[in-house]
């Protein structure tokens, strides 16, 4: 898979609240809103917490089983939207390979879990790694270790939920570019409220944008920093508008405002009737709009030249009126 254009991943995560029907609806709305892919998380609570942990009990109600994940993958294929998924175990990676997902995600918590990354690479699909919580030294080590792998893509990420930091750290993109092959895609996994950070990331060169997606914003787990359907529409519109500004092969020769030249450029007009042989000067010409459909002439091309034949007052003077 090539990420040549800004690619929007609607991160469903746990926003389905453990309900299969809601998960399916989220995929449908993500597709309708213009997302290029949806992303789920495949986990058993035991992959992440001890059974005695309170978080184990909380996470249990947010998990989808393998059968449900398989159905969601099939549904995504049916409506033609890419299906990505995060695995948190070897078993999870093995299962995701079996159902032929489109890309595998490594969460920030596992970006130094090299054994899981190595296992993930064996499925021969894009592996997207979030770089949250990596200091400069460790980020350089991770980039140096994996950046030459054609199947690995890095996302800048700040692992706060939500992220309220004013400094979004987009200068990290410079490091991505330094360690990667030229033009290899990198991206941004956003946990802030609103779309501003995603838009800035696109403008700074991010080709992959991942943001949590919900049907209704609320102060409840990931829903608080998620985009809803209207936000997704807005982000997709921005992406398409931005592409029109940057993908400009032959743009200058086809730009839409070329037609306005005849209205907004200046033409040369006779202030008064000018007889044949008269030398043109500031006293007998006006340099005003519109140009109409004539060839543009600069004042330097006109002042001091003689008129071939009589030009009436307020009439436009064109090149063929001049004596060479």
C-alpha atoms as a PDB file:
ATOM      1  CA  UNK A   1       0.000   0.000   0.000  1.00  0.00           C
ATOM      2  CA  UNK A   2       1.297   3.441  -0.939  1.00  0.00           C
ATOM      3  CA  UNK A   3       0.391   6.548   1.033  1.00  0.00           C
ATOM      4  CA  UNK A   4       0.957   9.205  -1.628  1.00  0.00           C
ATOM      5  CA  UNK A   5      -2.004  11.404  -0.679  1.00  0.00           C
ATOM      6  CA  UNK A   6      -3.194  12.383   2.802  1.00  0.00           C
ATOM      7  CA  UNK A   7      -4.800   9.140   4.015  1.00  0.00           C
ATOM      8  CA  UNK A   8      -7.401   9.448   6.782  1.00  0.00           C
ATOM      9  CA  UNK A   9      -7.756   6.616   9.287  1.00  0.00           C
ATOM     10  CA  UNK A  10     -10.896   6.710  11.415  1.00  0.00           C
ATOM     11  CA  UNK A  11      -9.719   5.094  14.634  1.00  0.00           C
ATOM     12  CA  UNK A  12     -12.736   3.267  16.014  1.00  0.00           C
ATOM     13  CA  UNK A  13     -10.663   1.917  18.907  1.00  0.00           C
ATOM     14  CA  UNK A  14     -13.060   1.211  21.756  1.00  0.00           C
ATOM     15  CA  UNK A  15     -15.647   3.794  20.687  1.00  0.00           C
ATOM     16  CA  UNK A  16     -17.992   0.944  19.765  1.00  0.00           C
ATOM     17  CA  UNK A  17     -18.434   0.449  23.539  1.00  0.00           C
ATOM     18  CA  UNK A  18     -18.152  -3.310  22.992  1.00  0.00           C
ATOM     19  CA  UNK A  19     -21.259  -3.388  20.778  1.00  0.00           C
ATOM     20  CA  UNK A  20     -20.938  -5.070  17.391  1.00  0.00           C
ATOM     21  CA  UNK A  21     -23.889  -3.195  15.887  1.00  0.00           C
ATOM     22  CA  UNK A  22     -22.360   0.145  16.864  1.00  0.00           C
ATOM     23  CA  UNK A  23     -18.983  -0.919  15.461  1.00  0.00           C
ATOM     24  CA  UNK A  24     -20.620  -1.712  12.133  1.00  0.00           C
ATOM     25  CA  UNK A  25     -22.435   1.623  12.091  1.00  0.00           C
ATOM     26  CA  UNK A  26     -19.171   3.444  12.805  1.00  0.00           C
ATOM     27  CA  UNK A  27     -17.601   1.799   9.747  1.00  0.00           C
ATOM     28  CA  UNK A  28     -20.541   2.840   7.603  1.00  0.00           C
ATOM     29  CA  UNK A  29     -20.383   6.461   8.787  1.00  0.00           C
ATOM     30  CA  UNK A  30     -16.600   6.587   8.426  1.00  0.00           C
ATOM     31  CA  UNK A  31     -16.949   5.495   4.812  1.00  0.00           C
ATOM     32  CA  UNK A  32     -19.723   8.015   4.211  1.00  0.00           C
ATOM     33  CA  UNK A  33     -17.652  10.793   5.810  1.00  0.00           C
ATOM     34  CA  UNK A  34     -14.692  10.198   3.511  1.00  0.00           C
ATOM     35  CA  UNK A  35     -12.279   8.174   5.639  1.00  0.00           C
ATOM     36  CA  UNK A  36      -9.874   5.959   3.712  1.00  0.00           C
ATOM     37  CA  UNK A  37      -9.662   3.324   6.432  1.00  0.00           C
ATOM     38  CA  UNK A  38     -11.112   2.315   9.766  1.00  0.00           C
ATOM     39  CA  UNK A  39      -8.979   0.940  12.574  1.00  0.00           C
ATOM     40  CA  UNK A  40      -9.965  -1.403  15.361  1.00  0.00           C
ATOM     41  CA  UNK A  41      -8.150  -2.928  18.317  1.00  0.00           C
ATOM     42  CA  UNK A  42      -7.976  -6.681  18.801  1.00  0.00           C
ATOM     43  CA  UNK A  43      -7.226  -7.602  22.375  1.00  0.00           C
ATOM     44  CA  UNK A  44      -8.043  -9.875  25.219  1.00  0.00           C
ATOM     45  CA  UNK A  45      -8.026  -7.909  28.489  1.00  0.00           C
ATOM     46  CA  UNK A  46      -5.353 -10.338  29.644  1.00  0.00           C
ATOM     47  CA  UNK A  47      -3.049  -9.036  26.913  1.00  0.00           C
ATOM     48  CA  UNK A  48      -2.905  -5.721  28.741  1.00  0.00           C
ATOM     49  CA  UNK A  49      -3.736  -6.153  32.437  1.00  0.00           C
ATOM     50  CA  UNK A  50      -3.673  -8.694  35.248  1.00  0.00           C
ATOM     51  CA  UNK A  51      -7.067 -10.130  36.078  1.00  0.00           C
ATOM     52  CA  UNK A  52      -7.009  -8.545  39.533  1.00  0.00           C
ATOM     53  CA  UNK A  53      -6.645  -5.076  37.962  1.00  0.00           C
ATOM     54  CA  UNK A  54      -9.625  -2.754  37.863  1.00  0.00           C
ATOM     55  CA  UNK A  55      -8.631  -1.886  34.297  1.00  0.00           C
ATOM     56  CA  UNK A  56      -9.017  -5.548  33.334  1.00  0.00           C
ATOM     57  CA  UNK A  57     -12.680  -5.422  34.298  1.00  0.00           C
ATOM     58  CA  UNK A  58     -13.240  -2.105  32.506  1.00  0.00           C
ATOM     59  CA  UNK A  59     -11.502  -3.254  29.330  1.00  0.00           C
ATOM     60  CA  UNK A  60     -13.403  -6.521  29.219  1.00  0.00           C
ATOM     61  CA  UNK A  61     -16.649  -4.783  28.310  1.00  0.00           C
ATOM     62  CA  UNK A  62     -14.954  -2.883  25.458  1.00  0.00           C
ATOM     63  CA  UNK A  63     -13.459  -5.886  23.707  1.00  0.00           C
ATOM     64  CA  UNK A  64     -14.711  -7.466  20.498  1.00  0.00           C
ATOM     65  CA  UNK A  65     -14.068 -11.147  19.921  1.00  0.00           C
ATOM     66  CA  UNK A  66     -12.299 -12.575  16.891  1.00  0.00           C
ATOM     67  CA  UNK A  67     -15.526 -13.639  15.227  1.00  0.00           C
ATOM     68  CA  UNK A  68     -16.841 -10.068  15.436  1.00  0.00           C
ATOM     69  CA  UNK A  69     -13.572  -8.623  14.149  1.00  0.00           C
ATOM     70  CA  UNK A  70     -13.744 -11.000  11.179  1.00  0.00           C
ATOM     71  CA  UNK A  71     -17.301  -9.883  10.384  1.00  0.00           C
ATOM     72  CA  UNK A  72     -16.291  -6.239  10.604  1.00  0.00           C
ATOM     73  CA  UNK A  73     -13.363  -6.893   8.297  1.00  0.00           C
ATOM     74  CA  UNK A  74     -15.733  -8.538   5.785  1.00  0.00           C
ATOM     75  CA  UNK A  75     -18.183  -5.659   6.036  1.00  0.00           C
ATOM     76  CA  UNK A  76     -15.407  -3.119   5.438  1.00  0.00           C
ATOM     77  CA  UNK A  77     -14.351  -4.989   2.320  1.00  0.00           C
ATOM     78  CA  UNK A  78     -17.963  -5.069   1.145  1.00  0.00           C
ATOM     79  CA  UNK A  79     -18.360  -1.270   1.325  1.00  0.00           C
ATOM     80  CA  UNK A  80     -14.832  -0.665   0.034  1.00  0.00           C
ATOM     81  CA  UNK A  81     -13.015   0.897   2.977  1.00  0.00           C
ATOM     82  CA  UNK A  82      -9.624  -0.307   4.223  1.00  0.00           C
ATOM     83  CA  UNK A  83      -9.572  -2.260   7.472  1.00  0.00           C
ATOM     84  CA  UNK A  84      -6.644  -1.704   9.848  1.00  0.00           C
ATOM     85  CA  UNK A  85      -6.250  -3.214  13.282  1.00  0.00           C
ATOM     86  CA  UNK A  86      -3.945  -3.006  16.291  1.00  0.00           C
ATOM     87  CA  UNK A  87      -2.692  -6.286  17.708  1.00  0.00           C
ATOM     88  CA  UNK A  88      -1.410  -6.591  21.260  1.00  0.00           C
ATOM     89  CA  UNK A  89      -0.162 -10.183  21.155  1.00  0.00           C
ATOM     90  CA  UNK A  90       1.453 -12.787  18.895  1.00  0.00           C
ATOM     91  CA  UNK A  91      -1.870 -14.584  18.726  1.00  0.00           C
ATOM     92  CA  UNK A  92      -3.567 -11.367  17.640  1.00  0.00           C
ATOM     93  CA  UNK A  93      -1.047 -10.836  14.844  1.00  0.00           C
ATOM     94  CA  UNK A  94      -1.552 -14.413  13.670  1.00  0.00           C
ATOM     95  CA  UNK A  95      -5.317 -13.959  13.544  1.00  0.00           C
ATOM     96  CA  UNK A  96      -5.124 -10.629  11.702  1.00  0.00           C
ATOM     97  CA  UNK A  97      -2.903 -12.238   9.103  1.00  0.00           C
ATOM     98  CA  UNK A  98      -5.490 -14.988   8.683  1.00  0.00           C
ATOM     99  CA  UNK A  99      -8.339 -12.575   7.959  1.00  0.00           C
ATOM    100  CA  UNK A 100      -6.100 -10.588   5.594  1.00  0.00           C
ATOM    101  CA  UNK A 101      -6.348  -7.102   7.084  1.00  0.00           C
ATOM    102  CA  UNK A 102      -5.035  -4.190   5.019  1.00  0.00           C
ATOM    103  CA  UNK A 103      -2.533  -2.882   7.579  1.00  0.00           C
ATOM    104  CA  UNK A 104      -1.433  -3.607  11.120  1.00  0.00           C
ATOM    105  CA  UNK A 105      -0.944  -0.930  13.766  1.00  0.00           C
ATOM    106  CA  UNK A 106       1.574  -0.885  16.593  1.00  0.00           C
ATOM    107  CA  UNK A 107       0.356   1.300  19.448  1.00  0.00           C
ATOM    108  CA  UNK A 108       2.708   3.698  21.192  1.00  0.00           C
ATOM    109  CA  UNK A 109       2.804   1.418  24.209  1.00  0.00           C
ATOM    110  CA  UNK A 110       4.533  -1.183  22.009  1.00  0.00           C
ATOM    111  CA  UNK A 111       6.837   0.955  19.874  1.00  0.00           C
ATOM    112  CA  UNK A 112       9.869  -0.536  21.652  1.00  0.00           C
ATOM    113  CA  UNK A 113       8.297  -4.014  21.779  1.00  0.00           C
ATOM    114  CA  UNK A 114      10.618  -5.272  19.057  1.00  0.00           C
ATOM    115  CA  UNK A 115       9.476  -8.865  19.307  1.00  0.00           C
ATOM    116  CA  UNK A 116       5.871  -7.834  18.496  1.00  0.00           C
ATOM    117  CA  UNK A 117       7.034  -5.558  15.684  1.00  0.00           C
ATOM    118  CA  UNK A 118       9.158  -8.341  14.206  1.00  0.00           C
ATOM    119  CA  UNK A 119       6.198 -10.714  14.351  1.00  0.00           C
ATOM    120  CA  UNK A 120       3.955  -8.100  12.739  1.00  0.00           C
ATOM    121  CA  UNK A 121       6.318  -7.591   9.819  1.00  0.00           C
ATOM    122  CA  UNK A 122       5.963 -11.238   8.867  1.00  0.00           C
ATOM    123  CA  UNK A 123       2.399 -10.725   7.664  1.00  0.00           C
ATOM    124  CA  UNK A 124       3.842  -8.692   4.772  1.00  0.00           C
ATOM    125  CA  UNK A 125       1.383  -5.821   5.159  1.00  0.00           C
ATOM    126  CA  UNK A 126       2.006  -2.178   6.058  1.00  0.00           C
ATOM    127  CA  UNK A 127       2.922  -1.835   9.731  1.00  0.00           C
ATOM    128  CA  UNK A 128       2.163   1.599  11.159  1.00  0.00           C
ATOM    129  CA  UNK A 129       3.977   2.556  14.352  1.00  0.00           C
ATOM    130  CA  UNK A 130       2.912   5.386  16.662  1.00  0.00           C
ATOM    131  CA  UNK A 131       5.882   7.099  18.308  1.00  0.00           C
ATOM    132  CA  UNK A 132       4.308   8.340  21.536  1.00  0.00           C
ATOM    133  CA  UNK A 133       6.467   8.493  24.711  1.00  0.00           C
ATOM    134  CA  UNK A 134       9.780   8.184  22.813  1.00  0.00           C
ATOM    135  CA  UNK A 135      12.456  10.665  23.840  1.00  0.00           C
ATOM    136  CA  UNK A 136      15.000  11.871  21.282  1.00  0.00           C
ATOM    137  CA  UNK A 137      17.479   9.075  21.945  1.00  0.00           C
ATOM    138  CA  UNK A 138      14.915   6.283  21.762  1.00  0.00           C
ATOM    139  CA  UNK A 139      13.100   7.749  18.757  1.00  0.00           C
ATOM    140  CA  UNK A 140      16.359   7.881  16.822  1.00  0.00           C
ATOM    141  CA  UNK A 141      17.033   4.251  17.758  1.00  0.00           C
ATOM    142  CA  UNK A 142      13.592   3.136  16.552  1.00  0.00           C
ATOM    143  CA  UNK A 143      13.846   5.147  13.335  1.00  0.00           C
ATOM    144  CA  UNK A 144      17.336   3.850  12.669  1.00  0.00           C
ATOM    145  CA  UNK A 145      16.220   0.262  13.257  1.00  0.00           C
ATOM    146  CA  UNK A 146      13.108   0.276  11.061  1.00  0.00           C
ATOM    147  CA  UNK A 147      13.027   3.245   8.720  1.00  0.00           C
ATOM    148  CA  UNK A 148      14.642   1.356   5.838  1.00  0.00           C
ATOM    149  CA  UNK A 149      11.903  -1.267   5.934  1.00  0.00           C
ATOM    150  CA  UNK A 150       9.488  -0.474   3.083  1.00  0.00           C
ATOM    151  CA  UNK A 151       6.490  -1.804   5.040  1.00  0.00           C
ATOM    152  CA  UNK A 152       6.940   0.355   8.152  1.00  0.00           C
ATOM    153  CA  UNK A 153       5.417   3.827   8.504  1.00  0.00           C
ATOM    154  CA  UNK A 154       5.751   6.144  11.496  1.00  0.00           C
ATOM    155  CA  UNK A 155       3.138   8.389  13.067  1.00  0.00           C
ATOM    156  CA  UNK A 156       4.042  11.243  15.377  1.00  0.00           C
ATOM    157  CA  UNK A 157       1.897  10.843  18.470  1.00  0.00           C
ATOM    158  CA  UNK A 158       1.482  12.451  21.880  1.00  0.00           C
ATOM    159  CA  UNK A 159       0.151   9.859  24.310  1.00  0.00           C
ATOM    160  CA  UNK A 160      -2.123  12.120  26.332  1.00  0.00           C
ATOM    161  CA  UNK A 161      -5.877  11.512  26.273  1.00  0.00           C
ATOM    162  CA  UNK A 162      -6.880  14.134  25.366  1.00  0.00           C
ATOM    163  CA  UNK A 163      -3.735  16.018  24.423  1.00  0.00           C
ATOM    164  CA  UNK A 164      -4.051  19.633  25.539  1.00  0.00           C
ATOM    165  CA  UNK A 165      -0.431  20.630  25.015  1.00  0.00           C
ATOM    166  CA  UNK A 166      -0.029  23.789  22.968  1.00  0.00           C
ATOM    167  CA  UNK A 167       3.185  22.430  21.468  1.00  0.00           C
ATOM    168  CA  UNK A 168       2.195  19.610  19.140  1.00  0.00           C
ATOM    169  CA  UNK A 169       5.797  18.664  18.351  1.00  0.00           C
ATOM    170  CA  UNK A 170       5.461  18.733  14.575  1.00  0.00           C
ATOM    171  CA  UNK A 171       9.194  19.449  14.232  1.00  0.00           C
ATOM    172  CA  UNK A 172       9.553  15.683  14.748  1.00  0.00           C
ATOM    173  CA  UNK A 173       8.653  15.404  11.071  1.00  0.00           C
ATOM    174  CA  UNK A 174      12.133  16.718  10.284  1.00  0.00           C
ATOM    175  CA  UNK A 175      13.612  13.714  12.055  1.00  0.00           C
ATOM    176  CA  UNK A 176      11.302  11.367  10.153  1.00  0.00           C
ATOM    177  CA  UNK A 177      12.528  12.855   6.876  1.00  0.00           C
ATOM    178  CA  UNK A 178      16.153  12.647   7.979  1.00  0.00           C
ATOM    179  CA  UNK A 179      16.022   8.946   8.803  1.00  0.00           C
ATOM    180  CA  UNK A 180      13.749   7.759   6.011  1.00  0.00           C
ATOM    181  CA  UNK A 181      14.190   7.331   2.311  1.00  0.00           C
ATOM    182  CA  UNK A 182      13.144  10.339   0.273  1.00  0.00           C
ATOM    183  CA  UNK A 183       9.374  10.774  -0.111  1.00  0.00           C
ATOM    184  CA  UNK A 184       8.498   7.867   2.200  1.00  0.00           C
ATOM    185  CA  UNK A 185       5.204   8.617   3.913  1.00  0.00           C
ATOM    186  CA  UNK A 186       4.928   9.540   7.577  1.00  0.00           C
ATOM    187  CA  UNK A 187       1.954  10.747   9.565  1.00  0.00           C
ATOM    188  CA  UNK A 188       0.246  11.917  12.714  1.00  0.00           C
ATOM    189  CA  UNK A 189      -1.917  10.144  15.267  1.00  0.00           C
ATOM    190  CA  UNK A 190      -4.022  12.823  16.936  1.00  0.00           C
ATOM    191  CA  UNK A 191      -5.471  12.825  20.434  1.00  0.00           C
ATOM    192  CA  UNK A 192      -6.402  16.497  20.631  1.00  0.00           C
ATOM    193  CA  UNK A 193      -9.826  18.058  20.406  1.00  0.00           C
ATOM    194  CA  UNK A 194     -10.896  19.504  17.055  1.00  0.00           C
ATOM    195  CA  UNK A 195      -9.299  19.203  13.619  1.00  0.00           C
ATOM    196  CA  UNK A 196      -6.684  21.951  13.765  1.00  0.00           C
ATOM    197  CA  UNK A 197      -3.765  19.660  14.626  1.00  0.00           C
ATOM    198  CA  UNK A 198      -4.625  17.258  11.798  1.00  0.00           C
ATOM    199  CA  UNK A 199      -4.784  20.112   9.317  1.00  0.00           C
ATOM    200  CA  UNK A 200      -1.440  21.491  10.447  1.00  0.00           C
ATOM    201  CA  UNK A 201       0.064  18.011  10.114  1.00  0.00           C
ATOM    202  CA  UNK A 202      -1.217  17.704   6.531  1.00  0.00           C
ATOM    203  CA  UNK A 203       0.208  21.121   5.685  1.00  0.00           C
ATOM    204  CA  UNK A 204       3.547  20.022   7.130  1.00  0.00           C
ATOM    205  CA  UNK A 205       3.704  16.957   4.930  1.00  0.00           C
ATOM    206  CA  UNK A 206       1.917  14.185   6.849  1.00  0.00           C
ATOM    207  CA  UNK A 207       0.470  11.612   4.453  1.00  0.00           C
ATOM    208  CA  UNK A 208      -1.278   9.499   7.116  1.00  0.00           C
ATOM    209  CA  UNK A 209      -3.735  11.020   9.581  1.00  0.00           C
ATOM    210  CA  UNK A 210      -5.201   8.858  12.333  1.00  0.00           C
ATOM    211  CA  UNK A 211      -7.870  10.212  14.652  1.00  0.00           C
ATOM    212  CA  UNK A 212     -10.430   8.592  16.916  1.00  0.00           C
ATOM    213  CA  UNK A 213     -13.934   8.517  15.473  1.00  0.00           C
ATOM    214  CA  UNK A 214     -17.267   8.536  17.282  1.00  0.00           C
ATOM    215  CA  UNK A 215     -20.919   9.037  16.470  1.00  0.00           C
ATOM    216  CA  UNK A 216     -21.364  11.306  19.478  1.00  0.00           C
ATOM    217  CA  UNK A 217     -18.799  13.310  21.441  1.00  0.00           C
ATOM    218  CA  UNK A 218     -19.036  12.949  25.177  1.00  0.00           C
ATOM    219  CA  UNK A 219     -16.794  13.017  28.211  1.00  0.00           C
ATOM    220  CA  UNK A 220     -16.365   9.265  28.219  1.00  0.00           C
ATOM    221  CA  UNK A 221     -13.052   7.511  27.485  1.00  0.00           C
ATOM    222  CA  UNK A 222     -11.850   8.213  23.906  1.00  0.00           C
ATOM    223  CA  UNK A 223     -15.085   9.918  22.840  1.00  0.00           C
ATOM    224  CA  UNK A 224     -13.912  13.231  24.314  1.00  0.00           C
ATOM    225  CA  UNK A 225     -11.032  13.685  21.850  1.00  0.00           C
ATOM    226  CA  UNK A 226     -12.642  11.970  18.885  1.00  0.00           C
ATOM    227  CA  UNK A 227     -13.923  13.473  15.673  1.00  0.00           C
ATOM    228  CA  UNK A 228     -17.574  12.944  14.863  1.00  0.00           C
ATOM    229  CA  UNK A 229     -19.152  12.647  11.418  1.00  0.00           C
ATOM    230  CA  UNK A 230     -19.218  16.428  10.837  1.00  0.00           C
ATOM    231  CA  UNK A 231     -15.557  16.699  11.859  1.00  0.00           C
ATOM    232  CA  UNK A 232     -14.649  13.903   9.462  1.00  0.00           C
ATOM    233  CA  UNK A 233     -16.459  15.659   6.618  1.00  0.00           C
ATOM    234  CA  UNK A 234     -14.604  18.864   7.513  1.00  0.00           C
ATOM    235  CA  UNK A 235     -11.222  17.130   7.616  1.00  0.00           C
ATOM    236  CA  UNK A 236     -11.843  15.345   4.331  1.00  0.00           C
ATOM    237  CA  UNK A 237     -12.906  18.621   2.700  1.00  0.00           C
ATOM    238  CA  UNK A 238      -9.725  20.279   3.942  1.00  0.00           C
ATOM    239  CA  UNK A 239      -7.643  17.396   2.608  1.00  0.00           C
ATOM    240  CA  UNK A 240      -9.187  17.661  -0.841  1.00  0.00           C
ATOM    241  CA  UNK A 241      -8.868  21.445  -0.893  1.00  0.00           C
ATOM    242  CA  UNK A 242      -5.248  21.191   0.185  1.00  0.00           C
ATOM    243  CA  UNK A 243      -4.516  18.645  -2.538  1.00  0.00           C
ATOM    244  CA  UNK A 244      -5.842  21.016  -5.172  1.00  0.00           C
ATOM    245  CA  UNK A 245      -3.348  23.605  -3.980  1.00  0.00           C
ATOM    246  CA  UNK A 246      -0.340  21.295  -3.917  1.00  0.00           C
ATOM    247  CA  UNK A 247      -0.932  18.896  -6.772  1.00  0.00           C
ATOM    248  CA  UNK A 248      -0.401  21.528  -9.469  1.00  0.00           C
ATOM    249  CA  UNK A 249       1.129  19.832 -12.499  1.00  0.00           C
ATOM    250  CA  UNK A 250       0.539  22.310 -15.313  1.00  0.00           C
ATOM    251  CA  UNK A 251      -1.461  24.367 -12.792  1.00  0.00           C
ATOM    252  CA  UNK A 252      -0.069  27.727 -13.877  1.00  0.00           C
ATOM    253  CA  UNK A 253      -1.121  27.149 -17.480  1.00  0.00           C
ATOM    254  CA  UNK A 254      -4.617  26.033 -16.490  1.00  0.00           C
ATOM    255  CA  UNK A 255      -5.370  28.196 -13.466  1.00  0.00           C
ATOM    256  CA  UNK A 256      -8.971  29.304 -13.280  1.00  0.00           C
ATOM    257  CA  UNK A 257      -8.210  33.020 -12.918  1.00  0.00           C
ATOM    258  CA  UNK A 258      -6.509  33.293 -16.319  1.00  0.00           C
ATOM    259  CA  UNK A 259      -9.897  34.265 -17.724  1.00  0.00           C
ATOM    260  CA  UNK A 260      -9.902  37.302 -15.459  1.00  0.00           C
ATOM    261  CA  UNK A 261      -6.947  38.898 -17.251  1.00  0.00           C
ATOM    262  CA  UNK A 262      -9.241  40.627 -19.713  1.00  0.00           C
ATOM    263  CA  UNK A 263     -11.087  42.275 -16.800  1.00  0.00           C
ATOM    264  CA  UNK A 264      -8.324  43.055 -14.315  1.00  0.00           C
ATOM    265  CA  UNK A 265      -5.241  43.859 -16.410  1.00  0.00           C
ATOM    266  CA  UNK A 266      -4.737  47.359 -17.807  1.00  0.00           C
ATOM    267  CA  UNK A 267      -5.231  48.415 -21.397  1.00  0.00           C
ATOM    268  CA  UNK A 268      -4.054  51.531 -23.242  1.00  0.00           C
ATOM    269  CA  UNK A 269      -6.829  53.996 -24.109  1.00  0.00           C
ATOM    270  CA  UNK A 270      -6.920  57.311 -25.963  1.00  0.00           C
ATOM    271  CA  UNK A 271      -7.681  60.260 -23.664  1.00  0.00           C
ATOM    272  CA  UNK A 272      -8.701  62.190 -26.739  1.00  0.00           C
ATOM    273  CA  UNK A 273      -8.806  61.528 -30.455  1.00  0.00           C
ATOM    274  CA  UNK A 274      -5.240  60.796 -31.619  1.00  0.00           C
ATOM    275  CA  UNK A 275      -4.376  61.448 -35.248  1.00  0.00           C
ATOM    276  CA  UNK A 276      -2.060  59.368 -37.404  1.00  0.00           C
ATOM    277  CA  UNK A 277       1.650  59.987 -36.756  1.00  0.00           C
ATOM    278  CA  UNK A 278       1.046  61.419 -33.262  1.00  0.00           C
ATOM    279  CA  UNK A 279       3.618  60.437 -30.623  1.00  0.00           C
ATOM    280  CA  UNK A 280       2.022  58.740 -27.635  1.00  0.00           C
ATOM    281  CA  UNK A 281       2.637  60.280 -24.209  1.00  0.00           C
ATOM    282  CA  UNK A 282       1.050  60.504 -20.783  1.00  0.00           C
ATOM    283  CA  UNK A 283      -0.872  63.481 -22.082  1.00  0.00           C
ATOM    284  CA  UNK A 284      -2.872  61.564 -24.669  1.00  0.00           C
ATOM    285  CA  UNK A 285      -3.269  58.028 -23.226  1.00  0.00           C
ATOM    286  CA  UNK A 286      -4.828  56.409 -20.181  1.00  0.00           C
ATOM    287  CA  UNK A 287      -3.508  53.176 -18.654  1.00  0.00           C
ATOM    288  CA  UNK A 288      -6.657  51.606 -17.158  1.00  0.00           C
ATOM    289  CA  UNK A 289      -8.775  48.468 -17.011  1.00  0.00           C
ATOM    290  CA  UNK A 290     -10.031  46.410 -18.771  1.00  0.00           C
ATOM    291  CA  UNK A 291      -7.510  44.742 -21.077  1.00  0.00           C
ATOM    292  CA  UNK A 292     -10.346  42.953 -22.911  1.00  0.00           C
ATOM    293  CA  UNK A 293      -9.110  40.228 -25.261  1.00  0.00           C
ATOM    294  CA  UNK A 294      -6.066  42.180 -26.427  1.00  0.00           C
ATOM    295  CA  UNK A 295      -2.389  41.440 -25.872  1.00  0.00           C
ATOM    296  CA  UNK A 296      -1.076  43.164 -22.758  1.00  0.00           C
ATOM    297  CA  UNK A 297       1.314  46.082 -23.383  1.00  0.00           C
ATOM    298  CA  UNK A 298       3.480  47.772 -20.776  1.00  0.00           C
ATOM    299  CA  UNK A 299       3.729  51.563 -20.782  1.00  0.00           C
ATOM    300  CA  UNK A 300       7.380  51.257 -21.819  1.00  0.00           C
ATOM    301  CA  UNK A 301       6.229  49.621 -25.053  1.00  0.00           C
ATOM    302  CA  UNK A 302       3.879  52.497 -25.837  1.00  0.00           C
ATOM    303  CA  UNK A 303       5.272  55.837 -24.651  1.00  0.00           C
ATOM    304  CA  UNK A 304       7.213  57.529 -27.472  1.00  0.00           C
ATOM    305  CA  UNK A 305       5.700  55.350 -30.209  1.00  0.00           C
ATOM    306  CA  UNK A 306       3.695  56.799 -33.102  1.00  0.00           C
ATOM    307  CA  UNK A 307       0.145  55.944 -34.098  1.00  0.00           C
ATOM    308  CA  UNK A 308      -0.362  54.388 -37.533  1.00  0.00           C
ATOM    309  CA  UNK A 309      -3.842  55.697 -38.042  1.00  0.00           C
ATOM    310  CA  UNK A 310      -6.415  57.798 -36.232  1.00  0.00           C
ATOM    311  CA  UNK A 311      -7.729  56.474 -32.866  1.00  0.00           C
ATOM    312  CA  UNK A 312     -10.957  57.923 -31.461  1.00  0.00           C
ATOM    313  CA  UNK A 313     -11.315  59.231 -27.896  1.00  0.00           C
ATOM    314  CA  UNK A 314     -11.784  56.451 -25.272  1.00  0.00           C
ATOM    315  CA  UNK A 315     -10.904  53.775 -27.855  1.00  0.00           C
ATOM    316  CA  UNK A 316      -8.388  51.089 -26.919  1.00  0.00           C
ATOM    317  CA  UNK A 317      -4.961  51.265 -28.516  1.00  0.00           C
ATOM    318  CA  UNK A 318      -3.612  47.861 -29.544  1.00  0.00           C
ATOM    319  CA  UNK A 319      -0.277  46.665 -30.904  1.00  0.00           C
ATOM    320  CA  UNK A 320      -1.274  46.854 -34.539  1.00  0.00           C
ATOM    321  CA  UNK A 321      -2.099  50.573 -34.054  1.00  0.00           C
ATOM    322  CA  UNK A 322       1.587  51.340 -33.431  1.00  0.00           C
ATOM    323  CA  UNK A 323       4.337  52.135 -35.930  1.00  0.00           C
ATOM    324  CA  UNK A 324       7.221  49.753 -35.245  1.00  0.00           C
END
